[in-house]
Amino acid sequence: MVHTLKRFFYILLQCTWGLGQTALGFFFFLANIRCPHSVYRGCIDTQWKSPYAGLSLGLFIFTPQADDEYTAQVRVHEFGHTFQSLMLGPLYSVVGIISVTWASLPYFQNVREQKGVPYTACFVEKWASWLGEKVTGEQAVW
């Protein structure tokens, strides 16, 4: 019963307090409707074919199409982002801007590649992995 209530409130909050990112996530979901989907701890996980490893938008997470340890760790990390969404609500867009900038700006890509800086050196990414591990008890990508 407690488990069901937690899931109910998780979904309710993502669809109210996190409405902006959940609505955007729904559009990404529709754009990837032919990809495999599953429910992971209350959110909808789409295994997409994307050059980016993962994405989290409210109630929706997007992970690579692979059944391996790395994908499982990305899933936990992206689930951690869903808790950032729950905590920050509309302000989660700040996390999204930082995350997308860190992931896709060539300058930061070069820093990570040339200096061996881990992706989670960025504080919002480290926070997502930490939250994902605390909530799930599973290993996140670091």
N, C-alpha and C. Protein backbone atom coordinates (compact mmCIF):
# COMPACT_ATOMS: atom_id res chain seq x y z
N MET A 1 0.82 -1.20 0.00
CA MET A 1 0.00 0.00 0.00
C MET A 1 0.87 1.27 0.00
N VAL A 2 1.91 1.28 0.82
CA VAL A 2 2.81 2.44 0.90
C VAL A 2 3.51 2.64 -0.45
N HIS A 3 3.93 1.54 -1.05
CA HIS A 3 4.59 1.58 -2.35
C HIS A 3 3.67 2.21 -3.41
N THR A 4 2.42 1.82 -3.41
CA THR A 4 1.44 2.34 -4.36
C THR A 4 1.20 3.83 -4.14
N LEU A 5 1.13 4.26 -2.88
CA LEU A 5 0.94 5.67 -2.57
C LEU A 5 2.14 6.51 -3.00
N LYS A 6 3.34 5.98 -2.80
CA LYS A 6 4.54 6.70 -3.23
C LYS A 6 4.53 6.90 -4.74
N ARG A 7 4.19 5.85 -5.47
CA ARG A 7 4.13 5.94 -6.94
C ARG A 7 3.05 6.94 -7.37
N PHE A 8 1.90 6.89 -6.70
CA PHE A 8 0.81 7.81 -7.02
C PHE A 8 1.26 9.26 -6.85
N PHE A 9 1.90 9.57 -5.73
CA PHE A 9 2.33 10.94 -5.48
C PHE A 9 3.48 11.34 -6.39
N TYR A 10 4.35 10.39 -6.74
CA TYR A 10 5.43 10.66 -7.69
C TYR A 10 4.83 11.10 -9.03
N ILE A 11 3.85 10.35 -9.52
CA ILE A 11 3.22 10.66 -10.81
C ILE A 11 2.43 11.96 -10.72
N LEU A 12 1.68 12.13 -9.63
CA LEU A 12 0.89 13.35 -9.44
C LEU A 12 1.78 14.59 -9.44
N LEU A 13 2.88 14.54 -8.71
CA LEU A 13 3.79 15.69 -8.66
C LEU A 13 4.45 15.96 -10.01
N GLN A 14 4.80 14.90 -10.72
CA GLN A 14 5.42 15.10 -12.04
C GLN A 14 4.41 15.74 -13.01
N CYS A 15 3.13 15.45 -12.82
CA CYS A 15 2.10 15.97 -13.73
C CYS A 15 1.53 17.31 -13.27
N THR A 16 1.96 17.81 -12.13
CA THR A 16 1.50 19.12 -11.65
C THR A 16 2.71 20.05 -11.47
N TRP A 17 3.47 19.86 -10.42
CA TRP A 17 4.65 20.67 -10.11
C TRP A 17 5.68 20.57 -11.23
N GLY A 18 5.79 19.43 -11.86
CA GLY A 18 6.73 19.23 -12.97
C GLY A 18 6.06 19.20 -14.32
N LEU A 19 4.92 19.88 -14.45
CA LEU A 19 4.13 19.81 -15.68
C LEU A 19 4.91 20.24 -16.92
N GLY A 20 5.69 21.29 -16.84
CA GLY A 20 6.42 21.78 -18.01
C GLY A 20 7.34 20.73 -18.60
N GLN A 21 8.18 20.15 -17.76
CA GLN A 21 9.11 19.14 -18.26
C GLN A 21 8.39 17.84 -18.62
N THR A 22 7.33 17.49 -17.92
CA THR A 22 6.58 16.29 -18.26
C THR A 22 5.89 16.45 -19.62
N ALA A 23 5.34 17.64 -19.88
CA ALA A 23 4.71 17.90 -21.19
C ALA A 23 5.75 17.81 -22.31
N LEU A 24 6.91 18.39 -22.09
CA LEU A 24 7.97 18.29 -23.10
C LEU A 24 8.42 16.84 -23.27
N GLY A 25 8.52 16.12 -22.16
CA GLY A 25 8.87 14.70 -22.21
C GLY A 25 7.86 13.89 -23.00
N PHE A 26 6.58 14.25 -22.87
CA PHE A 26 5.53 13.56 -23.62
C PHE A 26 5.72 13.74 -25.12
N PHE A 27 6.13 14.93 -25.55
CA PHE A 27 6.38 15.16 -26.98
C PHE A 27 7.58 14.34 -27.46
N PHE A 28 8.63 14.25 -26.65
CA PHE A 28 9.76 13.39 -27.00
C PHE A 28 9.31 11.93 -27.05
N PHE A 29 8.45 11.54 -26.12
CA PHE A 29 7.89 10.18 -26.11
C PHE A 29 7.16 9.90 -27.42
N LEU A 30 6.30 10.84 -27.84
CA LEU A 30 5.56 10.66 -29.09
C LEU A 30 6.50 10.60 -30.30
N ALA A 31 7.55 11.40 -30.27
CA ALA A 31 8.52 11.38 -31.38
C ALA A 31 9.27 10.05 -31.45
N ASN A 32 9.32 9.34 -30.33
CA ASN A 32 10.02 8.05 -30.26
C ASN A 32 9.04 6.91 -29.97
N ILE A 33 7.81 7.07 -30.41
CA ILE A 33 6.75 6.12 -30.07
C ILE A 33 7.04 4.70 -30.56
N ARG A 34 7.82 4.56 -31.61
CA ARG A 34 8.12 3.23 -32.15
C ARG A 34 9.26 2.53 -31.41
N CYS A 35 9.89 3.23 -30.51
CA CYS A 35 10.97 2.63 -29.71
C CYS A 35 10.36 1.80 -28.58
N PRO A 36 11.14 0.89 -28.02
CA PRO A 36 10.63 0.12 -26.87
C PRO A 36 10.44 1.01 -25.64
N HIS A 37 9.39 0.72 -24.89
CA HIS A 37 9.08 1.48 -23.68
C HIS A 37 8.85 0.50 -22.52
N SER A 38 9.12 0.98 -21.33
CA SER A 38 8.81 0.22 -20.12
C SER A 38 8.58 1.21 -18.99
N VAL A 39 8.05 0.71 -17.90
CA VAL A 39 7.87 1.54 -16.72
C VAL A 39 9.01 1.22 -15.77
N TYR A 40 9.70 2.25 -15.34
CA TYR A 40 10.80 2.10 -14.40
C TYR A 40 10.50 2.94 -13.17
N ARG A 41 10.13 2.28 -12.09
CA ARG A 41 9.87 2.95 -10.82
C ARG A 41 8.89 4.12 -10.93
N GLY A 42 7.90 3.97 -11.77
CA GLY A 42 6.85 4.98 -11.90
C GLY A 42 6.99 5.90 -13.08
N CYS A 43 8.17 5.95 -13.69
CA CYS A 43 8.32 6.81 -14.87
C CYS A 43 8.35 5.95 -16.14
N ILE A 44 8.18 6.59 -17.26
CA ILE A 44 8.17 5.87 -18.53
C ILE A 44 9.56 5.95 -19.14
N ASP A 45 10.16 4.80 -19.34
CA ASP A 45 11.51 4.70 -19.89
C ASP A 45 11.41 4.29 -21.35
N THR A 46 11.90 5.15 -22.22
CA THR A 46 11.95 4.87 -23.65
C THR A 46 13.39 4.56 -24.02
N GLN A 47 13.60 3.41 -24.63
CA GLN A 47 14.94 3.05 -25.10
C GLN A 47 15.06 3.57 -26.53
N TRP A 48 15.70 4.71 -26.67
CA TRP A 48 15.76 5.41 -27.94
C TRP A 48 17.07 5.22 -28.66
N LYS A 49 17.04 5.53 -29.94
CA LYS A 49 18.25 5.51 -30.76
C LYS A 49 18.69 6.96 -30.89
N SER A 50 19.60 7.37 -30.03
CA SER A 50 20.05 8.74 -30.01
C SER A 50 21.55 8.78 -29.80
N PRO A 51 22.20 9.80 -30.36
CA PRO A 51 23.64 9.94 -30.10
C PRO A 51 23.92 10.31 -28.65
N TYR A 52 22.90 10.79 -27.96
CA TYR A 52 23.05 11.14 -26.54
C TYR A 52 22.66 9.93 -25.70
N ALA A 53 23.34 9.72 -24.61
CA ALA A 53 23.07 8.55 -23.79
C ALA A 53 21.68 8.60 -23.16
N GLY A 54 21.35 9.69 -22.51
CA GLY A 54 20.09 9.73 -21.80
C GLY A 54 19.50 11.12 -21.75
N LEU A 55 18.24 11.16 -21.37
CA LEU A 55 17.50 12.41 -21.22
C LEU A 55 16.40 12.16 -20.20
N SER A 56 16.14 13.17 -19.40
CA SER A 56 15.07 13.06 -18.41
C SER A 56 14.21 14.31 -18.48
N LEU A 57 12.92 14.11 -18.68
CA LEU A 57 11.97 15.21 -18.73
C LEU A 57 10.72 14.83 -17.94
N GLY A 58 10.71 15.22 -16.67
CA GLY A 58 9.57 14.93 -15.81
C GLY A 58 9.33 13.46 -15.64
N LEU A 59 8.18 13.01 -16.07
CA LEU A 59 7.76 11.62 -15.92
C LEU A 59 8.39 10.69 -16.96
N PHE A 60 9.18 11.24 -17.88
CA PHE A 60 9.74 10.47 -18.99
C PHE A 60 11.26 10.46 -18.93
N ILE A 61 11.84 9.27 -19.08
CA ILE A 61 13.28 9.17 -19.24
C ILE A 61 13.57 8.43 -20.54
N PHE A 62 14.71 8.74 -21.12
CA PHE A 62 15.12 8.17 -22.40
C PHE A 62 16.52 7.61 -22.21
N THR A 63 16.68 6.34 -22.50
CA THR A 63 17.95 5.65 -22.28
C THR A 63 18.35 4.90 -23.55
N PRO A 64 19.64 4.53 -23.66
CA PRO A 64 20.10 3.84 -24.87
C PRO A 64 19.40 2.50 -25.08
N GLN A 65 19.36 2.08 -26.35
CA GLN A 65 18.79 0.77 -26.69
C GLN A 65 19.86 -0.29 -26.54
N ALA A 66 20.07 -0.71 -25.34
CA ALA A 66 21.04 -1.78 -25.05
C ALA A 66 20.64 -2.40 -23.73
N ASP A 67 20.91 -3.65 -23.59
CA ASP A 67 20.60 -4.34 -22.34
C ASP A 67 21.92 -4.69 -21.67
N ASP A 68 22.57 -3.66 -21.11
CA ASP A 68 23.86 -3.88 -20.48
C ASP A 68 23.97 -3.06 -19.20
N GLU A 69 25.08 -3.22 -18.53
CA GLU A 69 25.28 -2.55 -17.24
C GLU A 69 25.31 -1.03 -17.40
N TYR A 70 25.93 -0.54 -18.47
CA TYR A 70 25.99 0.90 -18.70
C TYR A 70 24.59 1.50 -18.83
N THR A 71 23.73 0.85 -19.62
CA THR A 71 22.36 1.34 -19.80
C THR A 71 21.61 1.34 -18.47
N ALA A 72 21.80 0.31 -17.67
CA ALA A 72 21.15 0.26 -16.35
C ALA A 72 21.62 1.42 -15.48
N GLN A 73 22.90 1.76 -15.56
CA GLN A 73 23.43 2.86 -14.77
C GLN A 73 22.93 4.21 -15.29
N VAL A 74 22.80 4.34 -16.61
CA VAL A 74 22.23 5.56 -17.19
C VAL A 74 20.78 5.72 -16.72
N ARG A 75 20.04 4.62 -16.68
CA ARG A 75 18.64 4.65 -16.24
C ARG A 75 18.54 5.18 -14.81
N VAL A 76 19.42 4.71 -13.94
CA VAL A 76 19.41 5.18 -12.54
C VAL A 76 19.76 6.67 -12.50
N HIS A 77 20.75 7.09 -13.28
CA HIS A 77 21.13 8.50 -13.35
C HIS A 77 19.95 9.36 -13.83
N GLU A 78 19.31 8.94 -14.91
CA GLU A 78 18.17 9.71 -15.43
C GLU A 78 17.01 9.72 -14.44
N PHE A 79 16.83 8.63 -13.72
CA PHE A 79 15.80 8.60 -12.68
C PHE A 79 16.14 9.62 -11.59
N GLY A 80 17.42 9.78 -11.30
CA GLY A 80 17.84 10.82 -10.35
C GLY A 80 17.42 12.20 -10.82
N HIS A 81 17.51 12.45 -12.13
CA HIS A 81 17.05 13.73 -12.67
C HIS A 81 15.55 13.92 -12.41
N THR A 82 14.78 12.83 -12.42
CA THR A 82 13.33 12.99 -12.17
C THR A 82 13.08 13.50 -10.75
N PHE A 83 13.96 13.17 -9.83
CA PHE A 83 13.81 13.69 -8.47
C PHE A 83 14.26 15.14 -8.37
N GLN A 84 15.21 15.54 -9.21
CA GLN A 84 15.52 16.96 -9.30
C GLN A 84 14.28 17.72 -9.79
N SER A 85 13.59 17.12 -10.75
CA SER A 85 12.35 17.71 -11.27
C SER A 85 11.31 17.85 -10.16
N LEU A 86 11.18 16.81 -9.32
CA LEU A 86 10.22 16.86 -8.22
C LEU A 86 10.58 17.97 -7.23
N MET A 87 11.86 18.14 -6.96
CA MET A 87 12.30 19.14 -5.99
C MET A 87 12.21 20.56 -6.54
N LEU A 88 12.55 20.73 -7.80
CA LEU A 88 12.68 22.08 -8.36
C LEU A 88 11.46 22.55 -9.14
N GLY A 89 10.63 21.62 -9.57
CA GLY A 89 9.45 22.00 -10.35
C GLY A 89 9.83 22.81 -11.57
N PRO A 90 9.21 23.97 -11.76
CA PRO A 90 9.49 24.79 -12.94
C PRO A 90 10.95 25.23 -13.05
N LEU A 91 11.65 25.29 -11.94
CA LEU A 91 13.06 25.69 -11.96
C LEU A 91 13.98 24.59 -12.49
N TYR A 92 13.41 23.41 -12.74
CA TYR A 92 14.21 22.31 -13.30
C TYR A 92 14.79 22.70 -14.66
N SER A 93 14.19 23.68 -15.32
CA SER A 93 14.72 24.13 -16.61
C SER A 93 16.17 24.60 -16.47
N VAL A 94 16.54 25.13 -15.32
CA VAL A 94 17.93 25.54 -15.08
C VAL A 94 18.85 24.31 -15.14
N VAL A 95 18.42 23.22 -14.50
CA VAL A 95 19.18 21.97 -14.56
C VAL A 95 19.30 21.52 -16.01
N GLY A 96 18.21 21.60 -16.75
CA GLY A 96 18.22 21.19 -18.15
C GLY A 96 19.19 22.01 -18.99
N ILE A 97 19.21 23.31 -18.78
CA ILE A 97 20.12 24.18 -19.54
C ILE A 97 21.58 23.84 -19.21
N ILE A 98 21.87 23.68 -17.93
CA ILE A 98 23.24 23.34 -17.52
C ILE A 98 23.63 21.98 -18.09
N SER A 99 22.73 21.02 -17.98
CA SER A 99 23.01 19.66 -18.43
C SER A 99 23.24 19.60 -19.94
N VAL A 100 22.38 20.24 -20.71
CA VAL A 100 22.51 20.23 -22.17
C VAL A 100 23.79 20.97 -22.59
N THR A 101 24.09 22.06 -21.94
CA THR A 101 25.31 22.80 -22.24
C THR A 101 26.54 21.95 -21.95
N TRP A 102 26.58 21.32 -20.79
CA TRP A 102 27.70 20.46 -20.39
C TRP A 102 27.84 19.27 -21.35
N ALA A 103 26.72 18.73 -21.80
CA ALA A 103 26.75 17.54 -22.66
C ALA A 103 27.13 17.86 -24.09
N SER A 104 26.66 18.99 -24.61
CA SER A 104 26.76 19.18 -26.06
C SER A 104 27.68 20.30 -26.54
N LEU A 105 28.08 21.21 -25.69
CA LEU A 105 28.97 22.27 -26.12
C LEU A 105 30.35 21.69 -26.43
N PRO A 106 30.87 21.93 -27.62
CA PRO A 106 32.17 21.36 -27.99
C PRO A 106 33.30 21.65 -26.99
N TYR A 107 33.29 22.84 -26.40
CA TYR A 107 34.32 23.16 -25.43
C TYR A 107 34.33 22.15 -24.28
N PHE A 108 33.17 21.88 -23.72
CA PHE A 108 33.08 20.95 -22.59
C PHE A 108 33.31 19.50 -23.03
N GLN A 109 32.90 19.16 -24.24
CA GLN A 109 33.19 17.82 -24.77
C GLN A 109 34.71 17.63 -24.86
N ASN A 110 35.42 18.64 -25.35
CA ASN A 110 36.88 18.55 -25.44
C ASN A 110 37.53 18.46 -24.07
N VAL A 111 37.05 19.23 -23.11
CA VAL A 111 37.59 19.17 -21.75
C VAL A 111 37.45 17.75 -21.21
N ARG A 112 36.27 17.16 -21.39
CA ARG A 112 36.04 15.80 -20.88
C ARG A 112 36.95 14.80 -21.58
N GLU A 113 37.07 14.91 -22.90
CA GLU A 113 37.88 13.96 -23.66
C GLU A 113 39.38 14.14 -23.41
N GLN A 114 39.87 15.36 -23.51
CA GLN A 114 41.30 15.61 -23.44
C GLN A 114 41.87 15.54 -22.03
N LYS A 115 41.07 15.90 -21.06
CA LYS A 115 41.56 15.92 -19.68
C LYS A 115 41.00 14.78 -18.84
N GLY A 116 40.18 13.93 -19.46
CA GLY A 116 39.63 12.78 -18.74
C GLY A 116 38.67 13.17 -17.61
N VAL A 117 37.98 14.28 -17.80
CA VAL A 117 37.03 14.76 -16.80
C VAL A 117 35.74 13.94 -16.93
N PRO A 118 35.26 13.33 -15.85
CA PRO A 118 34.03 12.54 -15.96
C PRO A 118 32.81 13.42 -16.20
N TYR A 119 31.82 12.85 -16.84
CA TYR A 119 30.57 13.57 -17.13
C TYR A 119 29.95 14.10 -15.83
N THR A 120 30.08 13.35 -14.77
CA THR A 120 29.47 13.76 -13.51
C THR A 120 30.31 14.77 -12.74
N ALA A 121 31.33 15.34 -13.36
CA ALA A 121 32.06 16.43 -12.73
C ALA A 121 31.18 17.68 -12.65
N CYS A 122 30.22 17.77 -13.54
CA CYS A 122 29.24 18.86 -13.50
C CYS A 122 28.29 18.59 -12.33
N PHE A 123 28.08 19.60 -11.49
CA PHE A 123 27.34 19.39 -10.24
C PHE A 123 25.92 18.87 -10.43
N VAL A 124 25.22 19.27 -11.51
CA VAL A 124 23.85 18.77 -11.68
C VAL A 124 23.86 17.30 -12.07
N GLU A 125 24.90 16.87 -12.77
CA GLU A 125 25.02 15.46 -13.16
C GLU A 125 25.44 14.59 -11.98
N LYS A 126 26.34 15.10 -11.17
CA LYS A 126 26.75 14.38 -9.96
C LYS A 126 25.56 14.23 -9.03
N TRP A 127 24.79 15.30 -8.88
CA TRP A 127 23.60 15.30 -8.03
C TRP A 127 22.59 14.27 -8.54
N ALA A 128 22.40 14.18 -9.86
CA ALA A 128 21.45 13.21 -10.43
C ALA A 128 21.89 11.78 -10.13
N SER A 129 23.17 11.48 -10.31
CA SER A 129 23.65 10.12 -10.02
C SER A 129 23.50 9.81 -8.54
N TRP A 130 23.83 10.79 -7.70
CA TRP A 130 23.71 10.59 -6.24
C TRP A 130 22.26 10.33 -5.85
N LEU A 131 21.34 11.16 -6.37
CA LEU A 131 19.91 10.98 -6.07
C LEU A 131 19.41 9.63 -6.58
N GLY A 132 19.78 9.28 -7.80
CA GLY A 132 19.36 8.01 -8.37
C GLY A 132 19.78 6.83 -7.52
N GLU A 133 21.01 6.87 -7.04
CA GLU A 133 21.50 5.78 -6.18
C GLU A 133 20.79 5.76 -4.84
N LYS A 134 20.57 6.92 -4.25
CA LYS A 134 19.91 6.98 -2.94
C LYS A 134 18.47 6.49 -3.01
N VAL A 135 17.78 6.83 -4.07
CA VAL A 135 16.36 6.47 -4.19
C VAL A 135 16.19 5.00 -4.59
N THR A 136 17.05 4.50 -5.48
CA THR A 136 16.87 3.15 -6.02
C THR A 136 17.69 2.09 -5.30
N GLY A 137 18.82 2.49 -4.73
CA GLY A 137 19.75 1.51 -4.16
C GLY A 137 20.56 0.80 -5.24
N GLU A 138 20.46 1.28 -6.48
CA GLU A 138 21.20 0.71 -7.61
C GLU A 138 22.35 1.63 -7.98
N GLN A 139 23.29 1.12 -8.77
CA GLN A 139 24.46 1.87 -9.21
C GLN A 139 24.11 2.79 -10.38
N ALA A 140 24.50 4.05 -10.26
CA ALA A 140 24.31 5.02 -11.35
C ALA A 140 25.61 5.16 -12.13
N VAL A 141 25.50 5.76 -13.29
CA VAL A 141 26.69 6.05 -14.08
C VAL A 141 27.43 7.23 -13.43
N TRP A 142 28.75 7.10 -13.34
CA TRP A 142 29.59 8.15 -12.76
C TRP A 142 30.62 8.55 -13.77
